[in-house]
Amino acid sequence: MRKADLLKNHQPFDQALARYRTFMEKVVAGGSIAGDAQERRDLAESVVLRLAANWESFVDGHLVDCVNRDPTRLSEFFGVTIPPNPSKDLCQALIFGDGYRDFHTFGDLKGLAKRLLPDTGNPFLAVSPSHAARIDEVYKIRNYLSHYSSKSQRALMRMYRTKHGMDRFYEPGQYLLAYNGTRLWPYFDAFAGASRDMALWYLI
């Protein structure tokens, strides 16, 4: 059976990042696309949710394809014999069952990847700590926007305080668009950088 081409996974993810970044550059610049201040904040929050969703889709597909290429660690993890050329459907079923895995931090993802993949077949190990830390910030924003719970708000406020010395809570849209979006672009850079770290790892 033909093995998955990991580099191909990056193209739709990288294209989505570029598309959303171009869109948000137009929003920050103003003009008819931007709307009023509240609409711009809503757009920024929606785009951050989409960034997280695209990353999760990329990660899920990548885990499946990595196991497809080398199922030895997964076989050890479950204590079962997996054929040397498992289908993607089998890999999907073994990793996710009939549900999905929710990664609250990059550490969660890295931990799962280490359980499922040998180090020689684990591109997630190549992602730099700085990119991983930024992605974790996005997840704090995503979790708050997904639940609006007091717990997620406290976690986001801790990030505001630790990262920027802020002593007041702001909705994510306000936080992201302050200072002409200078807090927003590093999140795009982190996802793009993580993708690039992984892609370069295949070429080593």
C-alpha atoms as a PDB file:
ATOM      1  CA  MET A   1       0.000   0.000   0.000  1.00  0.00           C
ATOM      2  CA  ARG A   2       1.245   3.468  -0.843  1.00  0.00           C
ATOM      3  CA  LYS A   3       2.392   5.493   2.159  1.00  0.00           C
ATOM      4  CA  ALA A   4       0.983   8.926   2.960  1.00  0.00           C
ATOM      5  CA  ASP A   5       2.811  11.977   1.623  1.00  0.00           C
ATOM      6  CA  LEU A   6       3.143  14.164   4.721  1.00  0.00           C
ATOM      7  CA  LEU A   7       4.224  17.275   2.846  1.00  0.00           C
ATOM      8  CA  LYS A   8       0.928  17.356   0.953  1.00  0.00           C
ATOM      9  CA  ASN A   9      -0.932  17.851   4.229  1.00  0.00           C
ATOM     10  CA  HIS A  10       0.647  21.262   4.669  1.00  0.00           C
ATOM     11  CA  GLN A  11      -0.713  22.855   1.516  1.00  0.00           C
ATOM     12  CA  PRO A  12      -4.397  23.286   2.501  1.00  0.00           C
ATOM     13  CA  PHE A  13      -3.434  24.390   6.013  1.00  0.00           C
ATOM     14  CA  ASP A  14      -0.849  26.904   4.794  1.00  0.00           C
ATOM     15  CA  GLN A  15      -3.284  28.229   2.193  1.00  0.00           C
ATOM     16  CA  ALA A  16      -5.986  28.727   4.826  1.00  0.00           C
ATOM     17  CA  LEU A  17      -3.541  30.633   7.040  1.00  0.00           C
ATOM     18  CA  ALA A  18      -2.583  32.918   4.170  1.00  0.00           C
ATOM     19  CA  ARG A  19      -6.222  33.517   3.243  1.00  0.00           C
ATOM     20  CA  TYR A  20      -7.291  34.418   6.768  1.00  0.00           C
ATOM     21  CA  ARG A  21      -4.267  36.635   7.266  1.00  0.00           C
ATOM     22  CA  THR A  22      -5.001  38.563   4.065  1.00  0.00           C
ATOM     23  CA  PHE A  23      -8.603  38.964   5.180  1.00  0.00           C
ATOM     24  CA  MET A  24      -7.629  40.251   8.626  1.00  0.00           C
ATOM     25  CA  GLU A  25      -5.100  42.669   7.135  1.00  0.00           C
ATOM     26  CA  LYS A  26      -8.016  44.221   5.226  1.00  0.00           C
ATOM     27  CA  VAL A  27     -10.133  44.324   8.384  1.00  0.00           C
ATOM     28  CA  VAL A  28      -7.408  46.026  10.411  1.00  0.00           C
ATOM     29  CA  ALA A  29      -6.717  48.493   7.603  1.00  0.00           C
ATOM     30  CA  GLY A  30     -10.367  49.583   7.640  1.00  0.00           C
ATOM     31  CA  GLY A  31     -12.539  50.294   4.645  1.00  0.00           C
ATOM     32  CA  SER A  32     -15.921  48.899   3.671  1.00  0.00           C
ATOM     33  CA  ILE A  33     -15.026  45.300   4.565  1.00  0.00           C
ATOM     34  CA  ALA A  34     -14.250  46.162   8.155  1.00  0.00           C
ATOM     35  CA  GLY A  35     -17.560  47.465   9.514  1.00  0.00           C
ATOM     36  CA  ASP A  36     -17.702  49.225  12.861  1.00  0.00           C
ATOM     37  CA  ALA A  37     -15.457  48.532  15.850  1.00  0.00           C
ATOM     38  CA  GLN A  38     -17.640  45.770  17.286  1.00  0.00           C
ATOM     39  CA  GLU A  39     -17.946  44.047  13.914  1.00  0.00           C
ATOM     40  CA  ARG A  40     -14.170  44.119  13.510  1.00  0.00           C
ATOM     41  CA  ARG A  41     -13.791  42.504  16.938  1.00  0.00           C
ATOM     42  CA  ASP A  42     -16.331  39.839  16.012  1.00  0.00           C
ATOM     43  CA  LEU A  43     -14.412  39.120  12.818  1.00  0.00           C
ATOM     44  CA  ALA A  44     -11.111  38.812  14.688  1.00  0.00           C
ATOM     45  CA  GLU A  45     -12.631  36.369  17.162  1.00  0.00           C
ATOM     46  CA  SER A  46     -14.194  34.325  14.355  1.00  0.00           C
ATOM     47  CA  VAL A  47     -10.888  34.107  12.510  1.00  0.00           C
ATOM     48  CA  VAL A  48      -9.059  32.925  15.641  1.00  0.00           C
ATOM     49  CA  LEU A  49     -11.646  30.161  16.034  1.00  0.00           C
ATOM     50  CA  ARG A  50     -11.081  29.195  12.407  1.00  0.00           C
ATOM     51  CA  LEU A  51      -7.316  29.151  12.880  1.00  0.00           C
ATOM     52  CA  ALA A  52      -7.698  26.729  15.775  1.00  0.00           C
ATOM     53  CA  ALA A  53     -10.149  24.563  13.831  1.00  0.00           C
ATOM     54  CA  ASN A  54      -7.859  24.387  10.793  1.00  0.00           C
ATOM     55  CA  TRP A  55      -4.913  23.495  13.015  1.00  0.00           C
ATOM     56  CA  GLU A  56      -6.911  20.705  14.659  1.00  0.00           C
ATOM     57  CA  SER A  57      -7.922  19.306  11.269  1.00  0.00           C
ATOM     58  CA  PHE A  58      -4.296  19.460  10.114  1.00  0.00           C
ATOM     59  CA  VAL A  59      -3.099  17.730  13.297  1.00  0.00           C
ATOM     60  CA  ASP A  60      -5.724  14.975  13.121  1.00  0.00           C
ATOM     61  CA  GLY A  61      -4.910  14.189   9.509  1.00  0.00           C
ATOM     62  CA  HIS A  62      -1.210  14.321  10.223  1.00  0.00           C
ATOM     63  CA  LEU A  63      -1.391  11.899  13.133  1.00  0.00           C
ATOM     64  CA  VAL A  64      -3.259   9.436  10.930  1.00  0.00           C
ATOM     65  CA  ASP A  65      -0.746   9.770   8.116  1.00  0.00           C
ATOM     66  CA  CYS A  66       2.239   9.434  10.455  1.00  0.00           C
ATOM     67  CA  VAL A  67       0.825   6.216  11.887  1.00  0.00           C
ATOM     68  CA  ASN A  68       0.129   5.036   8.346  1.00  0.00           C
ATOM     69  CA  ARG A  69       3.820   5.496   7.593  1.00  0.00           C
ATOM     70  CA  ASP A  70       5.061   3.806  10.770  1.00  0.00           C
ATOM     71  CA  PRO A  71       2.565   1.958  13.030  1.00  0.00           C
ATOM     72  CA  THR A  72       5.160   0.292  15.284  1.00  0.00           C
ATOM     73  CA  ARG A  73       4.698   2.581  18.321  1.00  0.00           C
ATOM     74  CA  LEU A  74       0.901   2.476  18.034  1.00  0.00           C
ATOM     75  CA  SER A  75       1.091  -1.314  17.946  1.00  0.00           C
ATOM     76  CA  GLU A  76       3.100  -1.243  21.185  1.00  0.00           C
ATOM     77  CA  PHE A  77       0.747   1.323  22.736  1.00  0.00           C
ATOM     78  CA  PHE A  78      -2.353  -0.850  22.205  1.00  0.00           C
ATOM     79  CA  GLY A  79      -0.546  -4.159  22.611  1.00  0.00           C
ATOM     80  CA  VAL A  80      -1.950  -5.500  19.362  1.00  0.00           C
ATOM     81  CA  THR A  81      -0.515  -6.488  16.020  1.00  0.00           C
ATOM     82  CA  ILE A  82      -1.053  -3.857  13.341  1.00  0.00           C
ATOM     83  CA  PRO A  83      -0.223  -4.699   9.726  1.00  0.00           C
ATOM     84  CA  PRO A  84       2.893  -2.934   8.397  1.00  0.00           C
ATOM     85  CA  ASN A  85       0.773  -1.097   5.816  1.00  0.00           C
ATOM     86  CA  PRO A  86      -2.428  -0.152   7.662  1.00  0.00           C
ATOM     87  CA  SER A  87      -5.141   1.699   5.793  1.00  0.00           C
ATOM     88  CA  LYS A  88      -5.865   5.287   6.768  1.00  0.00           C
ATOM     89  CA  ASP A  89      -9.337   4.197   7.895  1.00  0.00           C
ATOM     90  CA  LEU A  90      -7.775   1.705  10.305  1.00  0.00           C
ATOM     91  CA  CYS A  91      -5.337   4.330  11.611  1.00  0.00           C
ATOM     92  CA  GLN A  92      -8.201   6.779  12.093  1.00  0.00           C
ATOM     93  CA  ALA A  93     -10.253   4.209  14.005  1.00  0.00           C
ATOM     94  CA  LEU A  94      -7.361   3.219  16.254  1.00  0.00           C
ATOM     95  CA  ILE A  95      -6.379   6.788  17.132  1.00  0.00           C
ATOM     96  CA  PHE A  96      -9.761   8.469  17.419  1.00  0.00           C
ATOM     97  CA  GLY A  97     -12.360   5.690  17.649  1.00  0.00           C
ATOM     98  CA  ASP A  98     -15.757   7.187  16.878  1.00  0.00           C
ATOM     99  CA  GLY A  99     -14.960  10.580  18.398  1.00  0.00           C
ATOM    100  CA  TYR A 100     -12.199  13.170  18.405  1.00  0.00           C
ATOM    101  CA  ARG A 101      -9.371  14.265  20.659  1.00  0.00           C
ATOM    102  CA  ASP A 102      -9.423  17.769  22.070  1.00  0.00           C
ATOM    103  CA  PHE A 103      -5.942  19.184  22.660  1.00  0.00           C
ATOM    104  CA  HIS A 104      -6.056  21.947  25.266  1.00  0.00           C
ATOM    105  CA  THR A 105      -2.326  22.646  24.953  1.00  0.00           C
ATOM    106  CA  PHE A 106       0.479  21.827  22.591  1.00  0.00           C
ATOM    107  CA  GLY A 107       1.852  19.679  25.397  1.00  0.00           C
ATOM    108  CA  ASP A 108      -1.281  17.502  25.175  1.00  0.00           C
ATOM    109  CA  LEU A 109      -0.660  17.010  21.473  1.00  0.00           C
ATOM    110  CA  LYS A 110       3.038  16.334  21.945  1.00  0.00           C
ATOM    111  CA  GLY A 111       2.328  13.790  24.670  1.00  0.00           C
ATOM    112  CA  LEU A 112      -0.142  11.891  22.499  1.00  0.00           C
ATOM    113  CA  ALA A 113       2.196  12.002  19.505  1.00  0.00           C
ATOM    114  CA  LYS A 114       5.014  10.519  21.605  1.00  0.00           C
ATOM    115  CA  ARG A 115       2.725   7.662  22.651  1.00  0.00           C
ATOM    116  CA  LEU A 116       1.627   6.951  19.080  1.00  0.00           C
ATOM    117  CA  LEU A 117       4.764   7.663  17.040  1.00  0.00           C
ATOM    118  CA  PRO A 118       8.420   6.692  17.248  1.00  0.00           C
ATOM    119  CA  ASP A 119      10.723   9.696  17.600  1.00  0.00           C
ATOM    120  CA  THR A 120      12.082   9.021  14.115  1.00  0.00           C
ATOM    121  CA  GLY A 121       8.563   9.417  12.710  1.00  0.00           C
ATOM    122  CA  ASN A 122       7.263  12.248  14.882  1.00  0.00           C
ATOM    123  CA  PRO A 123       7.382  15.677  13.172  1.00  0.00           C
ATOM    124  CA  PHE A 124       5.565  17.327  16.091  1.00  0.00           C
ATOM    125  CA  LEU A 125       8.820  17.109  18.056  1.00  0.00           C
ATOM    126  CA  ALA A 126      10.314  19.598  15.590  1.00  0.00           C
ATOM    127  CA  VAL A 127       7.926  22.437  16.507  1.00  0.00           C
ATOM    128  CA  SER A 128       9.851  25.128  18.370  1.00  0.00           C
ATOM    129  CA  PRO A 129       8.886  25.982  21.974  1.00  0.00           C
ATOM    130  CA  SER A 130       8.139  29.583  20.967  1.00  0.00           C
ATOM    131  CA  HIS A 131       5.641  28.508  18.303  1.00  0.00           C
ATOM    132  CA  ALA A 132       4.089  25.987  20.694  1.00  0.00           C
ATOM    133  CA  ALA A 133       3.691  28.680  23.378  1.00  0.00           C
ATOM    134  CA  ARG A 134       1.885  31.009  20.961  1.00  0.00           C
ATOM    135  CA  ILE A 135      -0.419  28.195  19.853  1.00  0.00           C
ATOM    136  CA  ASP A 136      -1.252  27.595  23.521  1.00  0.00           C
ATOM    137  CA  GLU A 137      -2.282  31.254  23.775  1.00  0.00           C
ATOM    138  CA  VAL A 138      -4.635  30.785  20.839  1.00  0.00           C
ATOM    139  CA  TYR A 139      -6.166  27.812  22.630  1.00  0.00           C
ATOM    140  CA  LYS A 140      -6.825  29.900  25.730  1.00  0.00           C
ATOM    141  CA  ILE A 141      -8.658  32.395  23.514  1.00  0.00           C
ATOM    142  CA  ARG A 142     -10.493  29.596  21.682  1.00  0.00           C
ATOM    143  CA  ASN A 143     -11.573  27.927  24.920  1.00  0.00           C
ATOM    144  CA  TYR A 144     -13.002  31.170  26.244  1.00  0.00           C
ATOM    145  CA  LEU A 145     -14.851  31.924  23.003  1.00  0.00           C
ATOM    146  CA  SER A 146     -16.195  28.379  22.887  1.00  0.00           C
ATOM    147  CA  HIS A 147     -17.558  28.309  26.443  1.00  0.00           C
ATOM    148  CA  TYR A 148     -17.555  31.800  28.022  1.00  0.00           C
ATOM    149  CA  SER A 149     -17.062  29.972  31.323  1.00  0.00           C
ATOM    150  CA  SER A 150     -15.539  31.557  34.407  1.00  0.00           C
ATOM    151  CA  LYS A 151     -12.752  28.952  34.310  1.00  0.00           C
ATOM    152  CA  SER A 152     -11.790  29.772  30.720  1.00  0.00           C
ATOM    153  CA  GLN A 153     -11.997  33.494  31.481  1.00  0.00           C
ATOM    154  CA  ARG A 154      -9.630  33.116  34.434  1.00  0.00           C
ATOM    155  CA  ALA A 155      -7.163  31.162  32.275  1.00  0.00           C
ATOM    156  CA  LEU A 156      -7.286  33.876  29.619  1.00  0.00           C
ATOM    157  CA  MET A 157      -6.867  36.625  32.214  1.00  0.00           C
ATOM    158  CA  ARG A 158      -3.787  34.863  33.579  1.00  0.00           C
ATOM    159  CA  MET A 159      -2.340  34.913  30.068  1.00  0.00           C
ATOM    160  CA  TYR A 160      -3.124  38.634  29.713  1.00  0.00           C
ATOM    161  CA  ARG A 161      -1.444  39.357  33.030  1.00  0.00           C
ATOM    162  CA  THR A 162       1.607  37.159  32.468  1.00  0.00           C
ATOM    163  CA  LYS A 163       2.152  38.105  28.837  1.00  0.00           C
ATOM    164  CA  HIS A 164       1.291  41.803  28.886  1.00  0.00           C
ATOM    165  CA  GLY A 165       1.032  42.854  32.525  1.00  0.00           C
ATOM    166  CA  MET A 166      -2.662  43.620  32.015  1.00  0.00           C
ATOM    167  CA  ASP A 167      -4.790  44.022  35.125  1.00  0.00           C
ATOM    168  CA  ARG A 168      -8.175  44.188  33.405  1.00  0.00           C
ATOM    169  CA  PHE A 169     -10.049  41.617  31.327  1.00  0.00           C
ATOM    170  CA  TYR A 170     -10.806  42.471  27.704  1.00  0.00           C
ATOM    171  CA  GLU A 171     -12.855  40.445  25.285  1.00  0.00           C
ATOM    172  CA  PRO A 172     -10.582  38.655  22.788  1.00  0.00           C
ATOM    173  CA  GLY A 173     -11.605  40.883  19.892  1.00  0.00           C
ATOM    174  CA  GLN A 174     -10.464  43.972  21.796  1.00  0.00           C
ATOM    175  CA  TYR A 175      -7.255  42.258  22.870  1.00  0.00           C
ATOM    176  CA  LEU A 176      -6.428  41.049  19.345  1.00  0.00           C
ATOM    177  CA  LEU A 177      -7.067  44.310  17.515  1.00  0.00           C
ATOM    178  CA  ALA A 178      -5.377  46.671  19.975  1.00  0.00           C
ATOM    179  CA  TYR A 179      -2.386  48.574  18.598  1.00  0.00           C
ATOM    180  CA  ASN A 180      -3.409  47.885  14.972  1.00  0.00           C
ATOM    181  CA  GLY A 181      -3.490  44.134  15.432  1.00  0.00           C
ATOM    182  CA  THR A 182       0.068  43.739  16.645  1.00  0.00           C
ATOM    183  CA  ARG A 183      -1.093  40.990  19.026  1.00  0.00           C
ATOM    184  CA  LEU A 184      -2.865  39.119  16.236  1.00  0.00           C
ATOM    185  CA  TRP A 185      -0.070  38.631  13.700  1.00  0.00           C
ATOM    186  CA  PRO A 186       2.210  36.581  15.991  1.00  0.00           C
ATOM    187  CA  TYR A 187      -0.524  33.951  16.184  1.00  0.00           C
ATOM    188  CA  PHE A 188      -0.570  33.599  12.417  1.00  0.00           C
ATOM    189  CA  ASP A 189       3.230  33.446  12.529  1.00  0.00           C
ATOM    190  CA  ALA A 190       3.135  30.690  15.162  1.00  0.00           C
ATOM    191  CA  PHE A 191       0.896  28.391  13.136  1.00  0.00           C
ATOM    192  CA  ALA A 192       2.849  29.086   9.961  1.00  0.00           C
ATOM    193  CA  GLY A 193       6.099  28.546  11.850  1.00  0.00           C
ATOM    194  CA  ALA A 194       4.915  25.242  13.322  1.00  0.00           C
ATOM    195  CA  SER A 195       3.954  24.030   9.861  1.00  0.00           C
ATOM    196  CA  ARG A 196       7.344  25.119   8.533  1.00  0.00           C
ATOM    197  CA  ASP A 197       9.213  23.439  11.408  1.00  0.00           C
ATOM    198  CA  MET A 198       7.466  20.170  10.622  1.00  0.00           C
ATOM    199  CA  ALA A 199       7.985  20.453   6.873  1.00  0.00           C
ATOM    200  CA  LEU A 200      11.703  21.113   7.319  1.00  0.00           C
ATOM    201  CA  TRP A 201      11.963  18.081   9.611  1.00  0.00           C
ATOM    202  CA  TYR A 202      10.986  15.770   6.727  1.00  0.00           C
ATOM    203  CA  LEU A 203      13.893  17.091   4.679  1.00  0.00           C
ATOM    204  CA  ILE A 204      16.586  16.488   7.299  1.00  0.00           C
END
